[in-house]
Amino acid sequence: VFIDADGKVMDNSDNRKFATTNAPITKAGPKPTNLGTSQ
């Protein structure tokens, strides 16, 4: 990890925003609202 002159760890947390306007899709896809289980 990168550290500063005082030996403190620099922030490398994953707090970025996705560049695309569409949120990441999971394998199961978005949660359905009016669809049956088979759909």
PDB file of all heavy atoms in Angstrom:
ATOM      1  N   VAL A   1       0.856  -1.179   0.000  1.00  0.00           N
ATOM      2  CA  VAL A   1       0.000   0.000   0.000  1.00  0.00           C
ATOM      3  C   VAL A   1       0.896   1.234   0.000  1.00  0.00           C
ATOM      4  O   VAL A   1       2.024   1.199   0.478  1.00  0.00           O
ATOM      5  CB  VAL A   1      -0.940   0.038   1.227  1.00  0.00           C
ATOM      6  CG1 VAL A   1      -1.973  -1.075   1.149  1.00  0.00           C
ATOM      7  CG2 VAL A   1      -0.149  -0.051   2.520  1.00  0.00           C
ATOM      8  N   PHE A   2       0.383   2.309  -0.562  1.00  0.00           N
ATOM      9  CA  PHE A   2       1.116   3.565  -0.541  1.00  0.00           C
ATOM     10  C   PHE A   2       0.968   4.213   0.829  1.00  0.00           C
ATOM     11  O   PHE A   2      -0.105   4.182   1.435  1.00  0.00           O
ATOM     12  CB  PHE A   2       0.591   4.513  -1.618  1.00  0.00           C
ATOM     13  CG  PHE A   2       1.024   4.144  -3.008  1.00  0.00           C
ATOM     14  CD1 PHE A   2       0.170   3.460  -3.850  1.00  0.00           C
ATOM     15  CD2 PHE A   2       2.289   4.474  -3.459  1.00  0.00           C
ATOM     16  CE1 PHE A   2       0.560   3.110  -5.133  1.00  0.00           C
ATOM     17  CE2 PHE A   2       2.700   4.138  -4.728  1.00  0.00           C
ATOM     18  CZ  PHE A   2       1.835   3.449  -5.568  1.00  0.00           C
ATOM     19  N   ILE A   3       2.053   4.811   1.302  1.00  0.00           N
ATOM     20  CA  ILE A   3       2.032   5.527   2.569  1.00  0.00           C
ATOM     21  C   ILE A   3       2.616   6.922   2.364  1.00  0.00           C
ATOM     22  O   ILE A   3       3.397   7.147   1.431  1.00  0.00           O
ATOM     23  CB  ILE A   3       2.819   4.783   3.668  1.00  0.00           C
ATOM     24  CG1 ILE A   3       4.254   4.488   3.207  1.00  0.00           C
ATOM     25  CG2 ILE A   3       2.113   3.491   4.044  1.00  0.00           C
ATOM     26  CD1 ILE A   3       5.108   3.806   4.262  1.00  0.00           C
ATOM     27  N   ASP A   4       2.213   7.834   3.232  1.00  0.00           N
ATOM     28  CA  ASP A   4       2.734   9.191   3.123  1.00  0.00           C
ATOM     29  C   ASP A   4       4.043   9.318   3.900  1.00  0.00           C
ATOM     30  O   ASP A   4       4.594   8.320   4.389  1.00  0.00           O
ATOM     31  CB  ASP A   4       1.691  10.210   3.606  1.00  0.00           C
ATOM     32  CG  ASP A   4       1.276   9.994   5.053  1.00  0.00           C
ATOM     33  OD1 ASP A   4       2.021   9.316   5.808  1.00  0.00           O
ATOM     34  OD2 ASP A   4       0.215  10.505   5.447  1.00  0.00           O
ATOM     35  N   ALA A   5       4.533  10.538   4.013  1.00  0.00           N
ATOM     36  CA  ALA A   5       5.821  10.766   4.667  1.00  0.00           C
ATOM     37  C   ALA A   5       5.809  10.378   6.139  1.00  0.00           C
ATOM     38  O   ALA A   5       6.859  10.088   6.717  1.00  0.00           O
ATOM     39  CB  ALA A   5       6.216  12.238   4.519  1.00  0.00           C
ATOM     40  N   ASP A   6       4.616  10.349   6.766  1.00  0.00           N
ATOM     41  CA  ASP A   6       4.504   9.988   8.169  1.00  0.00           C
ATOM     42  C   ASP A   6       4.235   8.494   8.369  1.00  0.00           C
ATOM     43  O   ASP A   6       4.033   8.052   9.494  1.00  0.00           O
ATOM     44  CB  ASP A   6       3.372  10.795   8.826  1.00  0.00           C
ATOM     45  CG  ASP A   6       3.670  12.287   8.810  1.00  0.00           C
ATOM     46  OD1 ASP A   6       4.852  12.652   8.992  1.00  0.00           O
ATOM     47  OD2 ASP A   6       2.725  13.081   8.608  1.00  0.00           O
ATOM     48  N   GLY A   7       4.204   7.734   7.273  1.00  0.00           N
ATOM     49  CA  GLY A   7       3.952   6.309   7.375  1.00  0.00           C
ATOM     50  C   GLY A   7       2.487   5.942   7.446  1.00  0.00           C
ATOM     51  O   GLY A   7       2.150   4.783   7.689  1.00  0.00           O
ATOM     52  N   LYS A   8       1.601   6.905   7.209  1.00  0.00           N
ATOM     53  CA  LYS A   8       0.166   6.627   7.243  1.00  0.00           C
ATOM     54  C   LYS A   8      -0.294   6.111   5.886  1.00  0.00           C
ATOM     55  O   LYS A   8       0.118   6.624   4.850  1.00  0.00           O
ATOM     56  CB  LYS A   8      -0.614   7.889   7.624  1.00  0.00           C
ATOM     57  CG  LYS A   8      -0.304   8.403   9.019  1.00  0.00           C
ATOM     58  CD  LYS A   8      -1.108   9.652   9.330  1.00  0.00           C
ATOM     59  CE  LYS A   8      -0.796  10.174  10.729  1.00  0.00           C
ATOM     60  NZ  LYS A   8      -1.552  11.418  11.028  1.00  0.00           N
ATOM     61  N   VAL A   9      -1.156   5.116   5.922  1.00  0.00           N
ATOM     62  CA  VAL A   9      -1.648   4.515   4.680  1.00  0.00           C
ATOM     63  C   VAL A   9      -2.559   5.500   3.967  1.00  0.00           C
ATOM     64  O   VAL A   9      -3.474   6.082   4.562  1.00  0.00           O
ATOM     65  CB  VAL A   9      -2.410   3.208   4.968  1.00  0.00           C
ATOM     66  CG1 VAL A   9      -2.967   2.618   3.674  1.00  0.00           C
ATOM     67  CG2 VAL A   9      -1.503   2.211   5.659  1.00  0.00           C
ATOM     68  N   MET A  10      -2.283   5.710   2.675  1.00  0.00           N
ATOM     69  CA  MET A  10      -3.111   6.595   1.874  1.00  0.00           C
ATOM     70  C   MET A  10      -4.408   5.897   1.530  1.00  0.00           C
ATOM     71  O   MET A  10      -4.471   4.677   1.417  1.00  0.00           O
ATOM     72  CB  MET A  10      -2.363   7.007   0.601  1.00  0.00           C
ATOM     73  CG  MET A  10      -1.063   7.734   0.876  1.00  0.00           C
ATOM     74  SD  MET A  10      -0.114   8.117  -0.613  1.00  0.00           S
ATOM     75  CE  MET A  10      -1.201   9.272  -1.435  1.00  0.00           C
ATOM     76  N   ASP A  11      -5.463   6.678   1.357  1.00  0.00           N
ATOM     77  CA  ASP A  11      -6.794   6.128   1.121  1.00  0.00           C
ATOM     78  C   ASP A  11      -6.838   5.415  -0.221  1.00  0.00           C
ATOM     79  O   ASP A  11      -6.606   6.008  -1.265  1.00  0.00           O
ATOM     80  CB  ASP A  11      -7.834   7.255   1.142  1.00  0.00           C
ATOM     81  CG  ASP A  11      -9.244   6.716   0.941  1.00  0.00           C
ATOM     82  OD1 ASP A  11      -9.460   5.535   1.237  1.00  0.00           O
ATOM     83  OD2 ASP A  11     -10.114   7.482   0.497  1.00  0.00           O
ATOM     84  N   ASN A  12      -7.123   4.119  -0.188  1.00  0.00           N
ATOM     85  CA  ASN A  12      -7.292   3.356  -1.422  1.00  0.00           C
ATOM     86  C   ASN A  12      -8.600   2.578  -1.402  1.00  0.00           C
ATOM     87  O   ASN A  12      -8.719   1.524  -2.008  1.00  0.00           O
ATOM     88  CB  ASN A  12      -6.121   2.389  -1.645  1.00  0.00           C
ATOM     89  CG  ASN A  12      -5.984   1.391  -0.512  1.00  0.00           C
ATOM     90  OD1 ASN A  12      -6.644   1.517   0.512  1.00  0.00           O
ATOM     91  ND2 ASN A  12      -5.134   0.395  -0.696  1.00  0.00           N
ATOM     92  N   SER A  13      -9.575   3.127  -0.671  1.00  0.00           N
ATOM     93  CA  SER A  13     -10.872   2.462  -0.574  1.00  0.00           C
ATOM     94  C   SER A  13     -11.611   2.572  -1.901  1.00  0.00           C
ATOM     95  O   SER A  13     -11.393   3.496  -2.684  1.00  0.00           O
ATOM     96  CB  SER A  13     -11.699   3.087   0.553  1.00  0.00           C
ATOM     97  OG  SER A  13     -11.898   4.470   0.312  1.00  0.00           O
ATOM     98  N   ASP A  14     -12.501   1.640  -2.132  1.00  0.00           N
ATOM     99  CA  ASP A  14     -13.253   1.598  -3.371  1.00  0.00           C
ATOM    100  C   ASP A  14     -14.512   2.441  -3.222  1.00  0.00           C
ATOM    101  O   ASP A  14     -15.598   1.939  -2.998  1.00  0.00           O
ATOM    102  CB  ASP A  14     -13.599   0.147  -3.719  1.00  0.00           C
ATOM    103  CG  ASP A  14     -14.176   0.018  -5.125  1.00  0.00           C
ATOM    104  OD1 ASP A  14     -14.281   1.039  -5.815  1.00  0.00           O
ATOM    105  OD2 ASP A  14     -14.518  -1.109  -5.517  1.00  0.00           O
ATOM    106  N   ASN A  15     -14.362   3.768  -3.336  1.00  0.00           N
ATOM    107  CA  ASN A  15     -15.499   4.668  -3.192  1.00  0.00           C
ATOM    108  C   ASN A  15     -15.807   5.394  -4.495  1.00  0.00           C
ATOM    109  O   ASN A  15     -16.440   6.437  -4.503  1.00  0.00           O
ATOM    110  CB  ASN A  15     -15.233   5.690  -2.079  1.00  0.00           C
ATOM    111  CG  ASN A  15     -13.948   6.466  -2.326  1.00  0.00           C
ATOM    112  OD1 ASN A  15     -13.296   6.298  -3.363  1.00  0.00           O
ATOM    113  ND2 ASN A  15     -13.575   7.317  -1.378  1.00  0.00           N
ATOM    114  N   ARG A  16     -15.337   4.824  -5.613  1.00  0.00           N
ATOM    115  CA  ARG A  16     -15.544   5.464  -6.895  1.00  0.00           C
ATOM    116  C   ARG A  16     -16.986   5.277  -7.360  1.00  0.00           C
ATOM    117  O   ARG A  16     -17.694   4.394  -6.891  1.00  0.00           O
ATOM    118  CB  ARG A  16     -14.601   4.880  -7.945  1.00  0.00           C
ATOM    119  CG  ARG A  16     -14.913   3.442  -8.321  1.00  0.00           C
ATOM    120  CD  ARG A  16     -13.778   2.798  -9.084  1.00  0.00           C
ATOM    121  NE  ARG A  16     -14.132   1.495  -9.621  1.00  0.00           N
ATOM    122  CZ  ARG A  16     -14.248   0.395  -8.920  1.00  0.00           C
ATOM    123  NH1 ARG A  16     -14.025   0.436  -7.614  1.00  0.00           N
ATOM    124  NH2 ARG A  16     -14.574  -0.751  -9.479  1.00  0.00           N
ATOM    125  N   LYS A  17     -17.408   6.080  -8.342  1.00  0.00           N
ATOM    126  CA  LYS A  17     -18.698   5.921  -8.987  1.00  0.00           C
ATOM    127  C   LYS A  17     -18.481   5.316 -10.363  1.00  0.00           C
ATOM    128  O   LYS A  17     -17.472   5.580 -11.010  1.00  0.00           O
ATOM    129  CB  LYS A  17     -19.413   7.269  -9.097  1.00  0.00           C
ATOM    130  CG  LYS A  17     -19.792   7.890  -7.750  1.00  0.00           C
ATOM    131  CD  LYS A  17     -20.528   9.187  -7.947  1.00  0.00           C
ATOM    132  CE  LYS A  17     -20.935   9.797  -6.605  1.00  0.00           C
ATOM    133  NZ  LYS A  17     -21.637  11.087  -6.778  1.00  0.00           N
ATOM    134  N   PHE A  18     -19.429   4.534 -10.799  1.00  0.00           N
ATOM    135  CA  PHE A  18     -19.300   3.926 -12.107  1.00  0.00           C
ATOM    136  C   PHE A  18     -19.514   4.977 -13.192  1.00  0.00           C
ATOM    137  O   PHE A  18     -20.383   5.842 -13.092  1.00  0.00           O
ATOM    138  CB  PHE A  18     -20.303   2.787 -12.271  1.00  0.00           C
ATOM    139  CG  PHE A  18     -19.984   1.589 -11.433  1.00  0.00           C
ATOM    140  CD1 PHE A  18     -20.536   1.436 -10.169  1.00  0.00           C
ATOM    141  CD2 PHE A  18     -19.112   0.621 -11.893  1.00  0.00           C
ATOM    142  CE1 PHE A  18     -20.232   0.342  -9.391  1.00  0.00           C
ATOM    143  CE2 PHE A  18     -18.797  -0.484 -11.123  1.00  0.00           C
ATOM    144  CZ  PHE A  18     -19.359  -0.629  -9.865  1.00  0.00           C
ATOM    145  N   ALA A  19     -18.700   4.892 -14.247  1.00  0.00           N
ATOM    146  CA  ALA A  19     -18.774   5.866 -15.328  1.00  0.00           C
ATOM    147  C   ALA A  19     -20.075   5.739 -16.104  1.00  0.00           C
ATOM    148  O   ALA A  19     -20.609   6.728 -16.607  1.00  0.00           O
ATOM    149  CB  ALA A  19     -17.591   5.684 -16.268  1.00  0.00           C
ATOM    150  N   THR A  20     -20.613   4.545 -16.204  1.00  0.00           N
ATOM    151  CA  THR A  20     -21.850   4.341 -16.944  1.00  0.00           C
ATOM    152  C   THR A  20     -23.052   4.758 -16.111  1.00  0.00           C
ATOM    153  O   THR A  20     -23.024   4.748 -14.885  1.00  0.00           O
ATOM    154  CB  THR A  20     -22.005   2.873 -17.348  1.00  0.00           C
ATOM    155  OG1 THR A  20     -23.261   2.703 -18.004  1.00  0.00           O
ATOM    156  CG2 THR A  20     -21.953   1.962 -16.141  1.00  0.00           C
ATOM    157  N   THR A  21     -24.102   5.139 -16.782  1.00  0.00           N
ATOM    158  CA  THR A  21     -25.321   5.519 -16.069  1.00  0.00           C
ATOM    159  C   THR A  21     -26.125   4.308 -15.634  1.00  0.00           C
ATOM    160  O   THR A  21     -27.017   4.423 -14.811  1.00  0.00           O
ATOM    161  CB  THR A  21     -26.205   6.389 -16.975  1.00  0.00           C
ATOM    162  OG1 THR A  21     -26.493   5.667 -18.189  1.00  0.00           O
ATOM    163  CG2 THR A  21     -25.501   7.695 -17.324  1.00  0.00           C
ATOM    164  N   ASN A  22     -25.797   3.140 -16.185  1.00  0.00           N
ATOM    165  CA  ASN A  22     -26.499   1.915 -15.814  1.00  0.00           C
ATOM    166  C   ASN A  22     -25.772   1.233 -14.665  1.00  0.00           C
ATOM    167  O   ASN A  22     -24.572   1.028 -14.728  1.00  0.00           O
ATOM    168  CB  ASN A  22     -26.583   0.958 -17.008  1.00  0.00           C
ATOM    169  CG  ASN A  22     -27.367   1.559 -18.155  1.00  0.00           C
ATOM    170  OD1 ASN A  22     -28.355   2.233 -17.936  1.00  0.00           O
ATOM    171  ND2 ASN A  22     -26.891   1.322 -19.370  1.00  0.00           N
ATOM    172  N   ALA A  23     -26.488   0.883 -13.642  1.00  0.00           N
ATOM    173  CA  ALA A  23     -25.881   0.193 -12.510  1.00  0.00           C
ATOM    174  C   ALA A  23     -25.432  -1.198 -12.936  1.00  0.00           C
ATOM    175  O   ALA A  23     -25.984  -1.777 -13.866  1.00  0.00           O
ATOM    176  CB  ALA A  23     -26.894   0.088 -11.372  1.00  0.00           C
ATOM    177  N   PRO A  24     -24.399  -1.756 -12.285  1.00  0.00           N
ATOM    178  CA  PRO A  24     -23.950  -3.105 -12.631  1.00  0.00           C
ATOM    179  C   PRO A  24     -25.080  -4.119 -12.479  1.00  0.00           C
ATOM    180  O   PRO A  24     -25.866  -4.049 -11.538  1.00  0.00           O
ATOM    181  CB  PRO A  24     -22.834  -3.377 -11.618  1.00  0.00           C
ATOM    182  CG  PRO A  24     -22.423  -2.033 -11.146  1.00  0.00           C
ATOM    183  CD  PRO A  24     -23.633  -1.163 -11.211  1.00  0.00           C
ATOM    184  N   ILE A  25     -25.171  -5.047 -13.423  1.00  0.00           N
ATOM    185  CA  ILE A  25     -26.217  -6.062 -13.405  1.00  0.00           C
ATOM    186  C   ILE A  25     -25.648  -7.355 -12.843  1.00  0.00           C
ATOM    187  O   ILE A  25     -24.622  -7.832 -13.305  1.00  0.00           O
ATOM    188  CB  ILE A  25     -26.776  -6.307 -14.827  1.00  0.00           C
ATOM    189  CG1 ILE A  25     -27.358  -5.000 -15.381  1.00  0.00           C
ATOM    190  CG2 ILE A  25     -27.831  -7.402 -14.820  1.00  0.00           C
ATOM    191  CD1 ILE A  25     -27.840  -5.122 -16.807  1.00  0.00           C
ATOM    192  N   THR A  26     -26.311  -7.896 -11.861  1.00  0.00           N
ATOM    193  CA  THR A  26     -25.869  -9.156 -11.292  1.00  0.00           C
ATOM    194  C   THR A  26     -26.292 -10.303 -12.203  1.00  0.00           C
ATOM    195  O   THR A  26     -27.051 -10.109 -13.163  1.00  0.00           O
ATOM    196  CB  THR A  26     -26.454  -9.362  -9.889  1.00  0.00           C
ATOM    197  OG1 THR A  26     -27.885  -9.402 -10.002  1.00  0.00           O
ATOM    198  CG2 THR A  26     -26.057  -8.230  -8.966  1.00  0.00           C
ATOM    199  N   LYS A  27     -25.824 -11.477 -11.896  1.00  0.00           N
ATOM    200  CA  LYS A  27     -26.126 -12.630 -12.738  1.00  0.00           C
ATOM    201  C   LYS A  27     -27.620 -12.891 -12.821  1.00  0.00           C
ATOM    202  O   LYS A  27     -28.141 -13.321 -13.847  1.00  0.00           O
ATOM    203  CB  LYS A  27     -25.409 -13.875 -12.204  1.00  0.00           C
ATOM    204  CG  LYS A  27     -25.526 -15.078 -13.116  1.00  0.00           C
ATOM    205  CD  LYS A  27     -24.697 -16.227 -12.601  1.00  0.00           C
ATOM    206  CE  LYS A  27     -24.795 -17.433 -13.548  1.00  0.00           C
ATOM    207  NZ  LYS A  27     -23.978 -18.566 -13.055  1.00  0.00           N
ATOM    208  N   ALA A  28     -28.332 -12.616 -11.733  1.00  0.00           N
ATOM    209  CA  ALA A  28     -29.772 -12.848 -11.720  1.00  0.00           C
ATOM    210  C   ALA A  28     -30.543 -11.720 -12.357  1.00  0.00           C
ATOM    211  O   ALA A  28     -31.740 -11.814 -12.554  1.00  0.00           O
ATOM    212  CB  ALA A  28     -30.244 -13.072 -10.285  1.00  0.00           C
ATOM    213  N   GLY A  29     -29.845 -10.617 -12.672  1.00  0.00           N
ATOM    214  CA  GLY A  29     -30.520  -9.483 -13.291  1.00  0.00           C
ATOM    215  C   GLY A  29     -31.268  -8.665 -12.269  1.00  0.00           C
ATOM    216  O   GLY A  29     -31.272  -8.964 -11.069  1.00  0.00           O
ATOM    217  N   PRO A  30     -31.923  -7.591 -12.703  1.00  0.00           N
ATOM    218  CA  PRO A  30     -32.681  -6.742 -11.776  1.00  0.00           C
ATOM    219  C   PRO A  30     -33.864  -7.480 -11.173  1.00  0.00           C
ATOM    220  O   PRO A  30     -34.414  -8.404 -11.767  1.00  0.00           O
ATOM    221  CB  PRO A  30     -33.131  -5.575 -12.681  1.00  0.00           C
ATOM    222  CG  PRO A  30     -33.142  -6.157 -14.053  1.00  0.00           C
ATOM    223  CD  PRO A  30     -32.018  -7.142 -14.098  1.00  0.00           C
ATOM    224  N   LYS A  31     -34.227  -7.079  -9.987  1.00  0.00           N
ATOM    225  CA  LYS A  31     -35.319  -7.732  -9.281  1.00  0.00           C
ATOM    226  C   LYS A  31     -36.636  -7.444  -9.984  1.00  0.00           C
ATOM    227  O   LYS A  31     -36.975  -6.290 -10.240  1.00  0.00           O
ATOM    228  CB  LYS A  31     -35.366  -7.232  -7.827  1.00  0.00           C
ATOM    229  CG  LYS A  31     -36.383  -7.970  -6.979  1.00  0.00           C
ATOM    230  CD  LYS A  31     -36.304  -7.491  -5.545  1.00  0.00           C
ATOM    231  CE  LYS A  31     -37.306  -8.248  -4.682  1.00  0.00           C
ATOM    232  NZ  LYS A  31     -37.252  -7.794  -3.280  1.00  0.00           N
ATOM    233  N   PRO A  32     -37.393  -8.484 -10.357  1.00  0.00           N
ATOM    234  CA  PRO A  32     -38.641  -8.268 -11.089  1.00  0.00           C
ATOM    235  C   PRO A  32     -39.723  -7.682 -10.191  1.00  0.00           C
ATOM    236  O   PRO A  32     -39.692  -7.836  -8.973  1.00  0.00           O
ATOM    237  CB  PRO A  32     -39.007  -9.675 -11.565  1.00  0.00           C
ATOM    238  CG  PRO A  32     -38.407 -10.574 -10.525  1.00  0.00           C
ATOM    239  CD  PRO A  32     -37.126  -9.899 -10.109  1.00  0.00           C
ATOM    240  N   THR A  33     -40.673  -7.021 -10.840  1.00  0.00           N
ATOM    241  CA  THR A  33     -41.792  -6.443 -10.090  1.00  0.00           C
ATOM    242  C   THR A  33     -43.080  -7.213 -10.329  1.00  0.00           C
ATOM    243  O   THR A  33     -43.721  -7.686  -9.400  1.00  0.00           O
ATOM    244  CB  THR A  33     -41.967  -4.965 -10.492  1.00  0.00           C
ATOM    245  OG1 THR A  33     -42.099  -4.890 -11.922  1.00  0.00           O
ATOM    246  CG2 THR A  33     -40.757  -4.148 -10.058  1.00  0.00           C
ATOM    247  N   ASN A  34     -43.470  -7.355 -11.600  1.00  0.00           N
ATOM    248  CA  ASN A  34     -44.738  -7.995 -11.906  1.00  0.00           C
ATOM    249  C   ASN A  34     -44.556  -9.285 -12.690  1.00  0.00           C
ATOM    250  O   ASN A  34     -45.464  -9.734 -13.383  1.00  0.00           O
ATOM    251  CB  ASN A  34     -45.630  -7.038 -12.715  1.00  0.00           C
ATOM    252  CG  ASN A  34     -45.944  -5.782 -11.929  1.00  0.00           C
ATOM    253  OD1 ASN A  34     -46.171  -5.857 -10.732  1.00  0.00           O
ATOM    254  ND2 ASN A  34     -45.984  -4.635 -12.609  1.00  0.00           N
ATOM    255  N   LEU A  35     -43.366  -9.886 -12.650  1.00  0.00           N
ATOM    256  CA  LEU A  35     -43.117 -11.094 -13.398  1.00  0.00           C
ATOM    257  C   LEU A  35     -43.226 -12.310 -12.502  1.00  0.00           C
ATOM    258  O   LEU A  35     -42.934 -12.247 -11.310  1.00  0.00           O
ATOM    259  CB  LEU A  35     -41.711 -11.053 -14.021  1.00  0.00           C
ATOM    260  CG  LEU A  35     -41.475  -9.942 -15.052  1.00  0.00           C
ATOM    261  CD1 LEU A  35     -40.033  -9.987 -15.514  1.00  0.00           C
ATOM    262  CD2 LEU A  35     -42.415 -10.092 -16.248  1.00  0.00           C
ATOM    263  N   GLY A  36     -43.647 -13.405 -13.086  1.00  0.00           N
ATOM    264  CA  GLY A  36     -43.694 -14.659 -12.359  1.00  0.00           C
ATOM    265  C   GLY A  36     -42.292 -15.206 -12.171  1.00  0.00           C
ATOM    266  O   GLY A  36     -41.336 -14.729 -12.796  1.00  0.00           O
ATOM    267  N   THR A  37     -42.185 -16.253 -11.371  1.00  0.00           N
ATOM    268  CA  THR A  37     -40.866 -16.833 -11.098  1.00  0.00           C
ATOM    269  C   THR A  37     -40.203 -17.336 -12.353  1.00  0.00           C
ATOM    270  O   THR A  37     -38.999 -17.189 -12.538  1.00  0.00           O
ATOM    271  CB  THR A  37     -41.007 -17.984 -10.085  1.00  0.00           C
ATOM    272  OG1 THR A  37     -41.658 -17.515  -8.915  1.00  0.00           O
ATOM    273  CG2 THR A  37     -39.632 -18.543  -9.724  1.00  0.00           C
ATOM    274  N   SER A  38     -40.976 -17.917 -13.263  1.00  0.00           N
ATOM    275  CA  SER A  38     -40.404 -18.468 -14.490  1.00  0.00           C
ATOM    276  C   SER A  38     -40.023 -17.414 -15.492  1.00  0.00           C
ATOM    277  O   SER A  38     -39.423 -17.714 -16.529  1.00  0.00           O
ATOM    278  CB  SER A  38     -41.398 -19.462 -15.122  1.00  0.00           C
ATOM    279  OG  SER A  38     -42.606 -18.781 -15.462  1.00  0.00           O
ATOM    280  N   GLN A  39     -40.388 -16.157 -15.253  1.00  0.00           N
ATOM    281  CA  GLN A  39     -40.132 -15.075 -16.208  1.00  0.00           C
ATOM    282  C   GLN A  39     -39.045 -14.127 -15.754  1.00  0.00           C
ATOM    283  O   GLN A  39     -38.875 -13.074 -16.327  1.00  0.00           O
ATOM    284  CB  GLN A  39     -41.424 -14.279 -16.449  1.00  0.00           C
ATOM    285  CG  GLN A  39     -42.535 -15.104 -17.092  1.00  0.00           C
ATOM    286  CD  GLN A  39     -43.801 -14.304 -17.215  1.00  0.00           C
ATOM    287  OE1 GLN A  39     -44.339 -13.850 -16.207  1.00  0.00           O
ATOM    288  NE2 GLN A  39     -44.274 -14.094 -18.422  1.00  0.00           N
TER     289      GLN A  39
END
